Protein backbone atom coordinates (compact mmCIF):
# COMPACT_ATOMS: atom_id res chain seq x y z
CA UNK A 1 10.31 -1.63 -1.37
CA UNK A 2 9.56 0.42 -4.44
CA UNK A 3 10.49 4.15 -4.24
CA UNK A 4 8.53 6.65 -6.29
CA UNK A 5 10.51 9.07 -8.50
CA UNK A 6 9.48 11.73 -11.06
CA UNK A 7 10.96 11.58 -14.48
CA UNK A 8 11.86 14.45 -16.69
CA UNK A 9 8.35 14.40 -18.19
CA UNK A 10 6.91 14.95 -14.66
CA UNK A 11 5.45 11.30 -14.44
CA UNK A 12 5.99 9.49 -11.35
CA UNK A 13 7.75 6.30 -11.75
CA UNK A 14 9.27 3.64 -9.49
CA UNK A 15 12.98 3.63 -8.65
CA UNK A 16 12.69 -0.15 -8.34
CA UNK A 17 9.79 -1.97 -10.09
CA UNK A 18 7.18 -3.36 -7.93
CA UNK A 19 6.92 -6.57 -9.99
CA UNK A 20 9.39 -8.25 -12.25
CA UNK A 21 8.04 -9.32 -15.67
CA UNK A 22 7.50 -13.00 -14.28
CA UNK A 23 5.78 -11.80 -11.23
CA UNK A 24 3.64 -9.46 -13.18
CA UNK A 25 2.62 -12.42 -15.50
CA UNK A 26 1.87 -14.48 -12.48
CA UNK A 27 -0.18 -11.91 -10.84
CA UNK A 28 -2.13 -11.37 -13.95
CA UNK A 29 -2.74 -15.14 -14.58
CA UNK A 30 -3.73 -16.18 -10.92
CA UNK A 31 -7.34 -16.38 -9.75
CA UNK A 32 -6.11 -14.94 -6.38
CA UNK A 33 -5.74 -11.55 -7.94
CA UNK A 34 -9.48 -11.49 -8.71
CA UNK A 35 -10.29 -12.87 -5.28
CA UNK A 36 -8.24 -9.98 -3.53
CA UNK A 37 -10.02 -7.56 -5.91
CA UNK A 38 -13.35 -8.76 -4.84
CA UNK A 39 -12.52 -9.16 -1.12
CA UNK A 40 -10.81 -5.72 -0.80
CA UNK A 41 -13.78 -3.54 -1.57
CA UNK A 42 -16.14 -5.96 0.28
CA UNK A 43 -13.99 -5.65 3.39
CA UNK A 44 -14.17 -1.91 3.04
CA UNK A 45 -17.89 -1.99 2.64
CA UNK A 46 -18.24 -4.13 5.82
CA UNK A 47 -15.82 -1.76 7.64
CA UNK A 48 -17.96 1.38 6.72
CA UNK A 49 -21.32 -0.43 7.88
CA UNK A 50 -19.64 -1.54 11.03
CA UNK A 51 -18.08 1.73 11.66
CA UNK A 52 -21.29 3.50 11.46
CA UNK A 53 -22.96 0.93 13.85
CA UNK A 54 -20.15 1.29 16.24
CA UNK A 55 -20.40 5.21 16.20
CA UNK A 56 -24.22 4.88 16.40
CA UNK A 57 -23.58 2.79 19.67
CA UNK A 58 -21.14 5.24 21.21
CA UNK A 59 -23.46 8.22 20.51
CA UNK A 60 -26.82 6.84 21.32
CA UNK A 61 -26.18 3.71 23.50
CA UNK A 62 -28.46 1.79 21.05
CA UNK A 63 -27.57 -1.28 18.93
CA UNK A 64 -24.71 -2.71 21.02
CA UNK A 65 -25.58 -6.34 19.67
CA UNK A 66 -25.73 -5.38 15.92
CA UNK A 67 -22.40 -3.40 16.28
CA UNK A 68 -20.89 -6.42 17.93
CA UNK A 69 -21.87 -8.71 15.28
CA UNK A 70 -20.73 -6.31 12.63
CA UNK A 71 -17.28 -6.19 14.22
CA UNK A 72 -17.01 -10.10 14.46
CA UNK A 73 -17.97 -10.07 10.67
CA UNK A 74 -15.36 -7.49 9.90
CA UNK A 75 -12.77 -9.55 11.77
CA UNK A 76 -13.70 -12.62 9.78
CA UNK A 77 -13.49 -10.96 6.50
CA UNK A 78 -10.08 -9.38 7.62
CA UNK A 79 -8.80 -12.89 8.25
CA UNK A 80 -10.06 -14.29 5.14
CA UNK A 81 -8.42 -11.49 3.02
CA UNK A 82 -5.22 -12.13 4.95
CA UNK A 83 -5.16 -15.78 4.27
CA UNK A 84 -6.09 -15.32 0.57
CA UNK A 85 -3.56 -12.61 0.31
CA UNK A 86 -0.86 -14.79 1.72
CA UNK A 87 -1.82 -17.41 -1.08
CA UNK A 88 -1.64 -14.61 -3.66
CA UNK A 89 1.90 -13.66 -2.31
CA UNK A 90 3.04 -17.19 -2.63
CA UNK A 91 1.74 -17.55 -6.24
CA UNK A 92 3.21 -14.06 -7.28
CA UNK A 93 6.33 -13.86 -5.29
CA UNK A 94 7.09 -17.37 -4.22
CA UNK A 95 6.66 -16.78 -0.41
CA UNK A 96 3.44 -16.66 1.72
CA UNK A 97 4.18 -13.38 3.42
CA UNK A 98 6.71 -10.58 3.67
CA UNK A 99 7.75 -10.60 0.04
CA UNK A 100 9.90 -7.49 -0.39
CA UNK A 101 7.44 -5.68 -2.54
CA UNK A 102 4.71 -5.94 0.30
CA UNK A 103 6.98 -6.35 3.34
CA UNK A 104 5.62 -3.30 5.33
CA UNK A 105 2.00 -3.70 4.25
CA UNK A 106 2.33 -7.24 5.79
CA UNK A 107 3.97 -6.26 8.94
CA UNK A 108 1.33 -3.72 9.50
CA UNK A 109 -1.40 -6.11 8.62
CA UNK A 110 -0.31 -8.23 11.54
CA UNK A 111 -0.70 -5.28 13.79
CA UNK A 112 -4.32 -4.75 12.26
CA UNK A 113 -5.16 -8.44 12.91
CA UNK A 114 -3.79 -8.37 16.44
CA UNK A 115 -6.00 -5.48 17.27
CA UNK A 116 -9.17 -7.23 15.69
CA UNK A 117 -8.28 -10.49 17.57
CA UNK A 118 -7.72 -8.52 20.72
CA UNK A 119 -11.19 -7.25 20.46
CA UNK A 120 -12.58 -10.82 19.90
CA UNK A 121 -10.58 -12.05 23.13
CA UNK A 122 -11.95 -9.07 25.12
CA UNK A 123 -15.46 -9.79 23.87
CA UNK A 124 -15.40 -13.48 24.70
CA UNK A 125 -13.43 -13.05 27.93
CA UNK A 126 -15.55 -10.24 29.03
CA UNK A 127 -12.62 -7.96 30.03
CA UNK A 128 -13.95 -4.80 28.70
CA UNK A 129 -17.24 -2.83 29.13
CA UNK A 130 -19.36 -2.53 25.97
CA UNK A 131 -18.06 0.99 25.52
CA UNK A 132 -14.48 -0.16 25.95
CA UNK A 133 -15.03 -2.93 23.32
CA UNK A 134 -16.26 -0.07 20.93
CA UNK A 135 -13.37 1.97 21.59
CA UNK A 136 -11.01 -0.98 20.95
CA UNK A 137 -12.79 -1.60 17.73
CA UNK A 138 -12.28 2.05 16.66
CA UNK A 139 -8.65 1.58 17.26
CA UNK A 140 -8.52 -1.48 15.24
CA UNK A 141 -10.51 0.17 12.56
CA UNK A 142 -8.01 3.14 12.47
CA UNK A 143 -5.10 0.70 12.03
CA UNK A 144 -7.15 -0.94 9.33
CA UNK A 145 -7.61 2.40 7.42
CA UNK A 146 -3.86 3.00 7.60
CA UNK A 147 -3.16 -0.47 6.18
CA UNK A 148 -5.77 -0.03 3.53
CA UNK A 149 -3.99 3.23 2.54
CA UNK A 150 -0.75 1.33 2.16
CA UNK A 151 -2.18 -1.19 -0.25
CA UNK A 152 -4.00 1.52 -2.18
CA UNK A 153 -0.63 3.32 -2.54
CA UNK A 154 1.05 0.06 -3.76
CA UNK A 155 -1.70 -0.34 -6.24
CA UNK A 156 -1.08 3.20 -7.51
CA UNK A 157 2.69 2.63 -7.74
CA UNK A 158 1.94 -0.51 -9.75
CA UNK A 159 -0.24 1.42 -12.22
CA UNK A 160 2.38 4.08 -12.60
CA UNK A 161 5.07 1.46 -13.13
CA UNK A 162 2.82 -0.15 -15.79
CA UNK A 163 2.21 3.21 -17.54
CA UNK A 164 5.97 4.17 -17.36
CA UNK A 165 6.73 0.71 -19.11
CA UNK A 166 3.90 1.27 -21.79
């Protein structure tokens, strides 16, 4: 895992580089970087819409069906970004998941996926009330926000690393 340090000029740098030169070249050359760059903000947009619909349902009791569909769509987009992210890691780092540079992000991604899939299971098995399902979705969404923050932090570290090398 890369560790942020501050150099004598007050610029934050990485104690260990996030990407080797070869990994950076593969990252920049693969179409999967663009795919991740498109899917990540799309997933965040789907999340925001779904979050609003879930909260609307919990506050007003209206819109259960549309909130449910939005959660299923959010889960599908999450699974898509996980699969394409694993392909991206394979191209860049030579392994599908748990590359050292993104180990903890991948670990937490599995928790996020588990919570989303638990929602899908509970929905189809009819094991929770509508409100219970919505609260479960909120827990899954809270985990997603933490995981998204992990990836945004890594993106920032990669940019600081690139600036330090420039």
